[in-house]
Amino acid sequence: MDEQKQRTSVAHRIKVLVLGEESSSKEERWLVQKLDFFILTYCCVSFFFNYLDRAAFSNAYVSGLKEALDLSGSQYNVLLSMTTAGYVIGQIPHGIAIQKIPPRIWFPSMVIIWASLTMASAGCKTYAQLCVVRFLMGLIEASTYCGTIYCIGSWYKPREIAKRTAIFTASGQAGSMFAGVMMTAINQGMDGYSGLDGWQWVFLIDGIITLPISIVGFLYFPDTPEQTKAPWISESEKRIALDRLPPKREDGHNINPWSLAKRVFGSPTFYILCAFSMVCSALEAFCVQNLYLLWLKHYSAQGLFTQSQVTTYPLGIQALGIVSNMLAAVYIDATGRRVPMGILACALQLVSAIILLVPTSGKVAIMFAFYLAGSSYIVNPLLFGWANIISQRGGDDAGRSVILTSMNAFAQILYTWWGIVLYPADKVPYWRDGYISMIVIIALLFSMLWVVLWLDRRTAKQHPDAAFYDSAHPVLVSDDKDNISMRPVTEGKDVDGKEVKMADISV
């Protein structure tokens, strides 16, 4: 009997580690399951195709687009920067727009536009045309990432956020992986069909299969708890959704420029989190710039790699990124501790940077370092999961949206020049300045971890009623199904007899 109990206990611990603590009532558990199905499914599929386009463009460049439009290495970097520029400009407007326009209208509308632009990429005949299309795509795609992060913070409790953020991010990485496989298959099977090159068919097919996502969004996306009219959420579930999260400000959706500016810029939260975002993004820049793809392309000209290998080998980086992303999120949600994951990311990237910096490193060692760099995606749930929780505490949704979109905007501003200066395509296969910058960024990230931890503890003290929701069991649910209500409990036992205590902000 004791052995059976022990087995049950171990199984329960594993379940909690992977899925997180169960909610305190059957009604809340059912609500969370529905949220996962409708919110995460739509957002993950949407982001998958968002990333599929980005990766398809990089693969198209090395699979015929470069030659078809007679592009140079510097023009490739400019095209990436054009997309990034549009992405930066669109961030805050998208974040403000969803305060007044329901996300179930805004998000699917953006999907339709970017799918159309993806297909338009296939028809570009000149470098200038491609620049315009890539800029507009960045402008529209800016709605996806931070819009989803915002919605995750609008529906999920702090101890539920990291894994959902990781799952969402992993869907984008999966899009990058699938792009390589899809590109190879289309190049081999459709190149020349109807007079179009394989890279053109990739853009056309990508756009066509993206369009149906918008229909699902229009019908089923739930908006936010305060404004939801989703047919699958009852009134009692809506109350649970509101009560399970930190309290909201009465003017939390006020987008009056002067009021919003005072709320956002009058706190160190904005400045610290934006700086943290830039440092984390700089750490990921090595993978984002698709340098391994360019490195393989360079040596393929010498006969060391085939075209198929050039487009498929980089998938390993994304695979490691997904695994690192998810494992970090599981640890963060299970323990509430984030700094150890930041330190681990620093250590792994330092090893990668040192190997790449040494000019005499063999090709096998360099390939290992490229793959190891994929572990930089550990910072994804660390960065936006942590930022969502910290900015959630004030109950200012408009302010939180601006902070999250600004974080992403500053990160993308970094990308507009980071690749051109430190990782120019014409420097392949050795980016000495970029490798040195990696080591500097690692030192900065290590320092920033403690600054953000200080901010975390500061906001928890300023908003103790909101910080309480960081705990695993922050609410009680009435057994009266006709009058379900939830309320915080500082200490004692919940309705299931579980001990409830105020959450600690752990290192």
Protein backbone atom coordinates (compact mmCIF):
# COMPACT_ATOMS: atom_id res chain seq x y z
CA MET A 1 0.00 0.00 0.00
CA ASP A 2 2.84 2.38 0.92
CA GLU A 3 4.57 1.50 -2.34
CA GLN A 4 1.39 2.32 -4.27
CA LYS A 5 1.08 5.65 -2.46
CA GLN A 6 4.70 6.40 -3.23
CA ARG A 7 4.13 5.60 -6.90
CA THR A 8 1.05 7.83 -6.94
CA SER A 9 3.02 10.60 -5.26
CA VAL A 10 5.83 10.34 -7.82
CA ALA A 11 3.32 10.31 -10.69
CA HIS A 12 1.59 13.36 -9.23
CA ARG A 13 4.89 15.22 -8.90
CA ILE A 14 5.77 14.47 -12.51
CA LYS A 15 2.32 15.64 -13.62
CA VAL A 16 2.68 18.86 -11.63
CA LEU A 17 6.17 19.41 -13.04
CA VAL A 18 4.99 19.06 -16.63
CA LEU A 19 1.48 20.51 -16.47
CA GLY A 20 1.71 22.69 -13.37
CA GLU A 21 -0.42 22.75 -10.25
CA GLU A 22 -4.06 21.89 -10.83
CA SER A 23 -6.59 24.63 -10.29
CA SER A 24 -8.49 24.69 -7.03
CA SER A 25 -11.88 23.69 -8.49
CA LYS A 26 -13.38 21.54 -11.21
CA GLU A 27 -14.95 24.61 -12.84
CA GLU A 28 -11.63 26.43 -13.03
CA ARG A 29 -9.81 23.37 -14.38
CA TRP A 30 -12.42 23.03 -17.13
CA LEU A 31 -12.07 26.72 -17.98
CA VAL A 32 -8.28 26.46 -18.27
CA GLN A 33 -8.60 23.43 -20.56
CA LYS A 34 -10.95 25.36 -22.83
CA LEU A 35 -8.65 28.37 -22.82
CA ASP A 36 -5.76 26.16 -23.85
CA PHE A 37 -7.78 24.69 -26.70
CA PHE A 38 -9.23 27.89 -28.14
CA ILE A 39 -6.54 30.49 -27.36
CA LEU A 40 -3.35 28.46 -27.66
CA THR A 41 -4.51 26.47 -30.68
CA TYR A 42 -5.41 29.56 -32.69
CA CYS A 43 -2.37 31.60 -31.61
CA CYS A 44 0.08 28.74 -32.12
CA VAL A 45 -1.20 27.92 -35.60
CA SER A 46 -1.16 31.62 -36.49
CA PHE A 47 2.40 32.06 -35.22
CA PHE A 48 3.47 28.84 -36.94
CA PHE A 49 2.54 30.32 -40.32
CA ASN A 50 4.01 33.68 -39.30
CA TYR A 51 7.37 32.02 -38.76
CA LEU A 52 6.91 29.76 -41.76
CA ASP A 53 6.94 32.88 -43.93
CA ARG A 54 10.06 34.29 -42.28
CA ALA A 55 11.96 31.03 -42.60
CA ALA A 56 10.64 30.47 -46.13
CA PHE A 57 12.13 33.81 -47.16
CA SER A 58 15.58 32.85 -45.85
CA ASN A 59 15.37 29.48 -47.54
CA ALA A 60 14.13 31.06 -50.77
CA TYR A 61 17.17 33.32 -50.79
CA VAL A 62 19.57 30.35 -50.89
CA SER A 63 17.32 28.34 -53.23
CA GLY A 64 16.97 30.61 -56.24
CA LEU A 65 15.58 33.98 -55.11
CA LYS A 66 19.08 35.47 -54.88
CA GLU A 67 19.87 34.54 -58.46
CA ALA A 68 16.39 35.34 -59.84
CA LEU A 69 16.47 38.94 -58.58
CA ASP A 70 20.28 39.26 -58.79
CA LEU A 71 20.59 40.12 -55.08
CA SER A 72 23.87 40.78 -53.28
CA GLY A 73 24.73 39.73 -49.73
CA SER A 74 24.23 43.26 -48.40
CA GLN A 75 20.80 43.47 -50.08
CA TYR A 76 19.76 40.31 -48.24
CA ASN A 77 20.60 42.02 -44.94
CA VAL A 78 18.66 45.12 -46.02
CA LEU A 79 15.61 42.99 -46.89
CA LEU A 80 15.70 41.44 -43.43
CA SER A 81 16.00 44.93 -41.95
CA MET A 82 13.03 46.18 -44.01
CA THR A 83 10.86 43.45 -42.50
CA THR A 84 12.19 44.32 -39.07
CA ALA A 85 11.56 48.04 -39.60
CA GLY A 86 7.91 47.37 -40.43
CA TYR A 87 7.69 45.05 -37.45
CA VAL A 88 9.03 47.77 -35.13
CA ILE A 89 6.72 50.49 -36.43
CA GLY A 90 3.68 48.24 -36.07
CA GLN A 91 4.28 47.12 -32.48
CA ILE A 92 2.75 49.86 -30.32
CA PRO A 93 -0.13 50.71 -32.74
CA HIS A 94 -1.17 47.05 -32.66
CA GLY A 95 -0.91 47.02 -28.86
CA ILE A 96 -3.12 50.09 -28.56
CA ALA A 97 -5.58 48.93 -31.23
CA ILE A 98 -6.56 45.78 -29.31
CA GLN A 99 -7.59 47.94 -26.35
CA LYS A 100 -10.52 49.21 -28.43
CA ILE A 101 -10.93 46.72 -31.29
CA PRO A 102 -11.70 43.16 -30.10
CA PRO A 103 -8.75 40.81 -30.73
CA ARG A 104 -11.13 38.33 -32.42
CA ILE A 105 -11.61 40.98 -35.14
CA TRP A 106 -8.13 42.48 -35.22
CA PHE A 107 -5.99 39.33 -35.24
CA PRO A 108 -7.81 37.44 -38.03
CA SER A 109 -7.94 40.60 -40.16
CA MET A 110 -4.16 40.87 -39.93
CA VAL A 111 -3.83 37.20 -40.90
CA ILE A 112 -5.77 37.82 -44.12
CA ILE A 113 -3.55 40.77 -45.04
CA TRP A 114 -0.25 39.03 -44.35
CA ALA A 115 -1.34 35.89 -46.23
CA SER A 116 -2.08 38.09 -49.24
CA LEU A 117 1.31 39.79 -48.95
CA THR A 118 3.04 36.41 -48.71
CA MET A 119 1.53 35.41 -52.03
CA ALA A 120 2.51 38.80 -53.48
CA SER A 121 6.16 38.00 -52.66
CA ALA A 122 6.09 35.38 -55.41
CA GLY A 123 5.32 38.05 -57.99
CA CYS A 124 8.14 40.44 -57.10
CA LYS A 125 10.44 41.07 -60.07
CA THR A 126 12.80 43.65 -58.59
CA TYR A 127 14.70 44.29 -55.38
CA ALA A 128 12.65 47.47 -54.75
CA GLN A 129 9.34 45.61 -55.03
CA LEU A 130 10.54 42.96 -52.61
CA CYS A 131 11.63 45.67 -50.14
CA VAL A 132 8.12 47.18 -50.14
CA VAL A 133 6.39 43.82 -49.68
CA ARG A 134 8.75 42.73 -46.89
CA PHE A 135 8.24 46.05 -45.06
CA LEU A 136 4.45 45.72 -45.22
CA MET A 137 4.64 42.12 -44.06
CA GLY A 138 6.64 43.16 -41.01
CA LEU A 139 4.10 45.90 -40.29
CA ILE A 140 1.18 43.44 -40.32
CA GLU A 141 2.91 40.48 -38.67
CA ALA A 142 3.73 42.74 -35.71
CA SER A 143 0.23 42.02 -34.39
CA THR A 144 0.91 38.35 -33.68
CA TYR A 145 3.63 37.87 -31.09
CA CYS A 146 2.96 40.53 -28.46
CA GLY A 147 -0.77 40.37 -29.11
CA THR A 148 -0.70 36.73 -28.06
CA ILE A 149 1.60 37.41 -25.10
CA TYR A 150 -0.86 40.10 -23.99
CA CYS A 151 -3.83 37.71 -24.28
CA ILE A 152 -1.97 35.01 -22.35
CA GLY A 153 -1.43 37.52 -19.55
CA SER A 154 -5.11 38.48 -19.73
CA TRP A 155 -6.40 34.94 -19.15
CA TYR A 156 -3.74 32.94 -17.28
CA LYS A 157 -2.42 33.07 -13.74
CA PRO A 158 1.29 33.80 -13.14
CA ARG A 159 2.16 30.14 -12.51
CA GLU A 160 0.49 29.20 -15.82
CA ILE A 161 2.19 31.76 -18.04
CA ALA A 162 5.72 30.44 -18.71
CA LYS A 163 4.66 27.13 -20.26
CA ARG A 164 1.97 28.76 -22.41
CA THR A 165 4.52 31.34 -23.57
CA ALA A 166 6.97 28.54 -24.37
CA ILE A 167 4.38 26.49 -26.27
CA PHE A 168 3.43 29.56 -28.30
CA THR A 169 7.07 30.41 -29.06
CA ALA A 170 7.82 26.78 -29.93
CA SER A 171 5.09 26.87 -32.57
CA GLY A 172 7.04 29.60 -34.35
CA GLN A 173 10.23 27.58 -34.14
CA ALA A 174 8.34 24.59 -35.54
CA GLY A 175 7.35 26.82 -38.45
CA SER A 176 11.03 27.52 -39.07
CA MET A 177 11.78 23.79 -39.02
CA PHE A 178 8.90 22.93 -41.33
CA ALA A 179 9.96 25.63 -43.78
CA GLY A 180 13.22 23.82 -44.48
CA VAL A 181 11.45 20.52 -45.16
CA MET A 182 8.74 22.22 -47.22
CA MET A 183 11.27 24.21 -49.23
CA THR A 184 13.24 21.09 -50.11
CA ALA A 185 10.11 19.18 -51.15
CA ILE A 186 8.72 22.03 -53.26
CA ASN A 187 12.05 22.72 -54.96
CA GLN A 188 12.31 19.08 -55.94
CA GLY A 189 8.67 18.58 -56.92
CA MET A 190 7.32 21.90 -58.25
CA ASP A 191 10.29 23.85 -59.57
CA GLY A 192 9.35 24.93 -63.09
CA TYR A 193 5.68 23.95 -62.76
CA SER A 194 3.44 26.46 -64.63
CA GLY A 195 6.56 28.46 -65.39
CA LEU A 196 7.24 29.32 -61.74
CA ASP A 197 10.37 28.65 -59.71
CA GLY A 198 10.24 26.52 -56.58
CA TRP A 199 10.78 29.51 -54.28
CA GLN A 200 7.74 31.23 -55.84
CA TRP A 201 5.56 28.20 -55.15
CA VAL A 202 6.63 28.30 -51.50
CA PHE A 203 5.26 31.83 -51.08
CA LEU A 204 2.04 30.99 -52.93
CA ILE A 205 1.34 27.80 -50.99
CA ASP A 206 2.27 29.47 -47.69
CA GLY A 207 -0.26 32.26 -48.28
CA ILE A 208 -3.05 29.93 -49.41
CA ILE A 209 -2.81 27.61 -46.41
CA THR A 210 -2.63 30.58 -44.01
CA LEU A 211 -6.00 32.11 -44.99
CA PRO A 212 -8.31 29.53 -43.28
CA ILE A 213 -6.84 30.43 -39.87
CA SER A 214 -8.65 33.77 -39.98
CA ILE A 215 -12.07 32.07 -40.11
CA VAL A 216 -11.37 30.22 -36.85
CA GLY A 217 -10.27 33.47 -35.22
CA PHE A 218 -13.40 35.38 -36.24
CA LEU A 219 -15.64 32.64 -34.84
CA TYR A 220 -13.93 31.41 -31.67
CA PHE A 221 -11.18 33.70 -30.35
CA PRO A 222 -12.35 34.89 -26.90
CA ASP A 223 -10.94 38.46 -26.78
CA THR A 224 -10.21 39.31 -23.10
CA PRO A 225 -12.18 38.31 -19.96
CA GLU A 226 -13.86 41.73 -19.64
CA GLN A 227 -15.14 41.88 -23.22
CA THR A 228 -15.48 38.25 -24.28
CA LYS A 229 -18.58 37.14 -26.15
CA ALA A 230 -17.21 33.74 -27.06
CA PRO A 231 -20.02 31.16 -27.30
CA TRP A 232 -17.98 28.58 -25.38
CA ILE A 233 -17.61 30.72 -22.21
CA SER A 234 -20.54 30.87 -19.78
CA GLU A 235 -21.25 33.82 -17.49
CA SER A 236 -20.03 31.89 -14.44
CA GLU A 237 -16.80 31.02 -16.27
CA LYS A 238 -16.37 34.65 -17.20
CA ARG A 239 -16.57 35.57 -13.50
CA ILE A 240 -14.04 32.87 -12.66
CA ALA A 241 -11.73 34.16 -15.39
CA LEU A 242 -11.88 37.67 -13.94
CA ASP A 243 -11.51 36.65 -10.31
CA ARG A 244 -8.60 34.25 -10.79
CA LEU A 245 -6.35 37.10 -11.95
CA PRO A 246 -4.93 40.18 -10.18
CA PRO A 247 -7.44 43.03 -9.78
CA LYS A 248 -7.80 45.51 -12.66
CA ARG A 249 -7.60 49.30 -12.64
CA GLU A 250 -10.79 51.14 -13.53
CA ASP A 251 -8.90 53.04 -16.23
CA GLY A 252 -6.91 49.99 -17.29
CA HIS A 253 -8.03 50.27 -20.93
CA ASN A 254 -7.71 54.06 -21.13
CA ILE A 255 -5.56 54.91 -24.17
CA ASN A 256 -5.65 58.69 -23.75
CA PRO A 257 -2.08 59.58 -24.86
CA TRP A 258 -1.24 61.77 -21.86
CA SER A 259 -2.71 59.39 -19.29
CA LEU A 260 -1.14 56.33 -20.91
CA ALA A 261 2.26 58.02 -21.18
CA LYS A 262 2.23 58.94 -17.49
CA ARG A 263 1.28 55.41 -16.47
CA VAL A 264 3.91 53.75 -18.66
CA PHE A 265 6.87 56.13 -18.56
CA GLY A 266 6.45 57.13 -14.92
CA SER A 267 7.66 53.75 -13.66
CA PRO A 268 11.04 51.98 -13.87
CA THR A 269 9.19 48.90 -15.13
CA PHE A 270 9.14 50.18 -18.71
CA TYR A 271 12.83 51.03 -18.85
CA ILE A 272 14.13 47.92 -17.12
CA LEU A 273 12.01 45.48 -19.10
CA CYS A 274 12.82 47.14 -22.44
CA ALA A 275 16.55 46.98 -21.64
CA PHE A 276 16.15 43.35 -20.57
CA SER A 277 14.38 42.60 -23.84
CA MET A 278 17.19 44.10 -25.91
CA VAL A 279 19.84 42.10 -24.09
CA CYS A 280 17.91 38.82 -24.38
CA SER A 281 17.23 39.46 -28.06
CA ALA A 282 20.91 40.21 -28.68
CA LEU A 283 21.68 36.80 -27.19
CA GLU A 284 19.23 35.18 -29.64
CA ALA A 285 20.43 37.26 -32.58
CA PHE A 286 22.96 34.66 -33.65
CA CYS A 287 20.14 32.20 -34.38
CA VAL A 288 17.67 34.78 -35.67
CA GLN A 289 20.09 35.96 -38.37
CA ASN A 290 20.17 32.44 -39.90
CA LEU A 291 23.97 32.48 -39.94
CA TYR A 292 24.26 28.70 -40.00
CA LEU A 293 22.30 28.71 -43.25
CA LEU A 294 24.74 31.21 -44.78
CA TRP A 295 27.72 29.26 -43.43
CA LEU A 296 26.45 26.05 -45.05
CA LYS A 297 25.67 27.89 -48.29
CA HIS A 298 29.26 29.19 -48.38
CA TYR A 299 30.80 25.75 -48.05
CA SER A 300 28.26 24.18 -50.41
CA ALA A 301 29.94 26.19 -53.18
CA GLN A 302 33.09 24.20 -52.38
CA GLY A 303 31.19 20.94 -52.64
CA LEU A 304 31.15 20.20 -48.89
CA PHE A 305 27.34 20.30 -48.58
CA THR A 306 24.45 19.57 -50.93
CA GLN A 307 21.51 21.96 -51.43
CA SER A 308 19.31 19.57 -49.47
CA GLN A 309 21.76 19.64 -46.56
CA VAL A 310 21.91 23.44 -46.68
CA THR A 311 18.15 23.70 -46.13
CA THR A 312 17.74 20.82 -43.65
CA TYR A 313 20.79 20.97 -41.34
CA PRO A 314 19.66 24.25 -39.68
CA LEU A 315 16.53 22.43 -38.45
CA GLY A 316 18.64 21.07 -35.60
CA ILE A 317 19.05 24.56 -34.16
CA GLN A 318 15.29 25.05 -34.03
CA ALA A 319 14.81 21.57 -32.56
CA LEU A 320 17.22 22.34 -29.73
CA GLY A 321 15.55 25.72 -29.33
CA ILE A 322 12.14 24.09 -28.85
CA VAL A 323 13.47 21.59 -26.30
CA SER A 324 15.39 24.30 -24.39
CA ASN A 325 12.39 26.61 -24.49
CA MET A 326 9.99 24.00 -23.09
CA LEU A 327 12.31 22.61 -20.41
CA ALA A 328 13.04 26.11 -19.13
CA ALA A 329 9.31 26.90 -19.00
CA VAL A 330 8.51 23.69 -17.12
CA TYR A 331 11.17 24.53 -14.54
CA ILE A 332 10.00 28.14 -14.18
CA ASP A 333 6.31 27.29 -13.70
CA ALA A 334 7.11 24.42 -11.33
CA THR A 335 9.50 26.37 -9.10
CA GLY A 336 8.65 30.03 -9.68
CA ARG A 337 12.41 30.62 -10.09
CA ARG A 338 13.77 32.32 -13.20
CA VAL A 339 17.33 33.41 -12.49
CA PRO A 340 18.80 29.85 -12.69
CA MET A 341 17.50 29.52 -16.25
CA GLY A 342 19.09 32.84 -17.16
CA ILE A 343 22.42 31.72 -15.74
CA LEU A 344 22.19 28.44 -17.67
CA ALA A 345 21.53 30.33 -20.92
CA CYS A 346 24.60 32.49 -20.27
CA ALA A 347 26.82 29.46 -19.62
CA LEU A 348 25.74 27.58 -22.75
CA GLN A 349 26.10 30.61 -25.00
CA LEU A 350 29.56 31.35 -23.60
CA VAL A 351 30.74 27.89 -24.67
CA SER A 352 29.27 28.44 -28.14
CA ALA A 353 30.85 31.89 -28.51
CA ILE A 354 34.32 30.73 -27.48
CA ILE A 355 34.31 27.84 -29.97
CA LEU A 356 33.18 30.11 -32.79
CA LEU A 357 35.67 32.85 -31.91
CA VAL A 358 38.70 30.55 -32.15
CA PRO A 359 39.72 30.70 -35.86
CA THR A 360 41.30 27.24 -35.77
CA SER A 361 38.12 25.46 -34.63
CA GLY A 362 37.32 22.56 -36.95
CA LYS A 363 34.13 22.41 -38.96
CA VAL A 364 32.61 19.74 -36.71
CA ALA A 365 33.27 21.91 -33.63
CA ILE A 366 31.80 24.94 -35.41
CA MET A 367 28.68 22.98 -36.35
CA PHE A 368 28.35 21.88 -32.71
CA ALA A 369 28.62 25.53 -31.60
CA PHE A 370 25.93 26.58 -34.07
CA TYR A 371 23.57 23.94 -32.68
CA LEU A 372 24.43 24.81 -29.08
CA ALA A 373 23.53 28.42 -29.83
CA GLY A 374 19.94 27.19 -30.23
CA SER A 375 19.77 26.93 -26.43
CA SER A 376 19.59 30.73 -26.37
CA TYR A 377 15.82 30.29 -26.78
CA ILE A 378 15.78 29.53 -23.06
CA VAL A 379 15.31 33.27 -22.61
CA ASN A 380 11.88 33.29 -24.34
CA PRO A 381 9.72 32.13 -21.40
CA LEU A 382 12.14 33.90 -19.07
CA LEU A 383 11.76 37.26 -20.81
CA PHE A 384 8.10 37.66 -21.76
CA GLY A 385 6.73 35.33 -19.09
CA TRP A 386 8.45 37.35 -16.38
CA ALA A 387 7.52 40.68 -17.99
CA ASN A 388 3.87 39.62 -18.28
CA ILE A 389 3.70 38.77 -14.59
CA ILE A 390 5.44 41.96 -13.43
CA SER A 391 3.34 44.28 -15.61
CA GLN A 392 0.16 42.31 -14.82
CA ARG A 393 0.33 43.31 -11.15
CA GLY A 394 -0.66 46.92 -11.65
CA GLY A 395 -3.97 45.94 -13.27
CA ASP A 396 -3.29 48.36 -16.14
CA ASP A 397 -3.97 46.35 -19.31
CA ALA A 398 -3.26 49.19 -21.73
CA GLY A 399 -0.01 49.93 -19.92
CA ARG A 400 0.92 46.24 -19.96
CA SER A 401 0.21 46.05 -23.69
CA VAL A 402 2.41 49.08 -24.41
CA ILE A 403 5.23 47.69 -22.26
CA LEU A 404 5.13 44.29 -23.98
CA THR A 405 4.99 45.77 -27.48
CA SER A 406 7.72 48.28 -26.63
CA MET A 407 9.93 45.46 -25.41
CA ASN A 408 9.50 43.70 -28.72
CA ALA A 409 9.96 46.95 -30.65
CA PHE A 410 13.27 47.74 -28.95
CA ALA A 411 14.45 44.19 -29.58
CA GLN A 412 13.58 44.51 -33.25
CA ILE A 413 15.28 47.91 -33.48
CA LEU A 414 18.40 46.11 -32.36
CA TYR A 415 17.95 43.61 -35.19
CA THR A 416 17.69 46.36 -37.84
CA TRP A 417 21.40 47.10 -37.47
CA TRP A 418 22.78 44.21 -35.43
CA GLY A 419 23.00 41.79 -38.34
CA ILE A 420 24.29 44.39 -40.82
CA VAL A 421 27.09 45.55 -38.51
CA LEU A 422 28.09 42.35 -36.73
CA TYR A 423 26.95 39.54 -39.04
CA PRO A 424 27.07 40.88 -42.63
CA ALA A 425 26.46 38.18 -45.23
CA ASP A 426 29.66 39.08 -47.12
CA LYS A 427 31.76 38.19 -44.03
CA VAL A 428 30.75 34.54 -44.19
CA PRO A 429 32.10 32.13 -42.89
CA TYR A 430 33.74 33.96 -39.93
CA TRP A 431 32.05 36.80 -38.03
CA ARG A 432 34.73 37.81 -35.51
CA ASP A 433 33.00 41.00 -34.34
CA GLY A 434 29.75 39.11 -33.85
CA TYR A 435 31.39 36.41 -31.74
CA ILE A 436 33.04 39.01 -29.49
CA SER A 437 29.71 40.80 -29.11
CA MET A 438 28.14 37.53 -27.94
CA ILE A 439 30.53 37.41 -24.98
CA VAL A 440 29.77 41.03 -24.08
CA ILE A 441 26.02 40.35 -24.25
CA ILE A 442 26.38 37.31 -21.99
CA ALA A 443 27.96 39.52 -19.32
CA LEU A 444 25.17 42.09 -19.71
CA LEU A 445 22.46 39.46 -19.43
CA PHE A 446 23.98 38.04 -16.27
CA SER A 447 23.86 41.53 -14.72
CA MET A 448 20.33 42.26 -15.94
CA LEU A 449 18.95 39.13 -14.26
CA TRP A 450 19.51 40.71 -10.85
CA VAL A 451 18.05 44.05 -11.90
CA VAL A 452 14.83 42.39 -13.09
CA LEU A 453 14.70 40.29 -9.92
CA TRP A 454 14.86 43.54 -7.93
CA LEU A 455 11.98 44.93 -10.05
CA ASP A 456 9.99 41.74 -9.50
CA ARG A 457 10.29 42.04 -5.73
CA ARG A 458 9.59 45.77 -5.82
CA THR A 459 6.32 45.41 -7.74
CA ALA A 460 5.28 42.52 -5.48
CA LYS A 461 5.63 44.80 -2.46
CA GLN A 462 3.80 47.65 -4.20
CA HIS A 463 0.87 45.40 -5.19
CA PRO A 464 0.62 42.70 -2.50
CA ASP A 465 -2.97 41.90 -3.48
CA ALA A 466 -1.80 41.14 -7.03
CA ALA A 467 1.45 39.41 -6.02
CA PHE A 468 -0.66 36.98 -4.01
CA TYR A 469 -1.84 35.45 -7.29
CA ASP A 470 1.72 34.26 -7.98
CA SER A 471 1.04 31.33 -5.66
CA ALA A 472 -0.09 27.94 -6.89
CA HIS A 473 -3.52 28.07 -5.15
CA PRO A 474 -4.56 31.72 -4.94
CA VAL A 475 -8.34 31.38 -4.90
CA LEU A 476 -11.31 29.67 -3.33
CA VAL A 477 -14.33 28.63 -5.36
CA SER A 478 -17.82 28.38 -3.96
CA ASP A 479 -19.53 24.99 -4.13
CA ASP A 480 -22.71 26.78 -5.12
CA LYS A 481 -22.76 26.31 -8.90
CA ASP A 482 -25.41 28.98 -9.33
CA ASN A 483 -23.27 31.59 -7.62
CA ILE A 484 -19.65 30.78 -8.31
CA SER A 485 -17.24 33.29 -6.84
CA MET A 486 -13.55 33.38 -6.17
CA ARG A 487 -11.57 35.24 -3.54
CA PRO A 488 -7.98 35.42 -2.39
CA VAL A 489 -6.88 33.70 0.80
CA THR A 490 -3.65 34.81 2.42
CA GLU A 491 -3.07 31.76 4.62
CA GLY A 492 -4.91 28.67 5.78
CA LYS A 493 -6.63 25.94 3.75
CA ASP A 494 -8.67 26.06 0.59
CA VAL A 495 -11.91 24.17 -0.08
CA ASP A 496 -9.93 21.00 -0.84
CA GLY A 497 -7.96 21.21 2.39
CA LYS A 498 -4.72 22.31 0.71
CA GLU A 499 -2.42 24.71 2.51
CA VAL A 500 -2.49 28.21 1.03
CA LYS A 501 0.26 30.74 1.64
CA MET A 502 1.39 34.01 0.19
CA ALA A 503 3.74 33.46 -2.76
CA ASP A 504 7.41 34.17 -2.29
CA ILE A 505 9.43 35.81 -5.05
CA SER A 506 12.25 33.30 -5.40
CA VAL A 507 15.58 33.70 -7.12
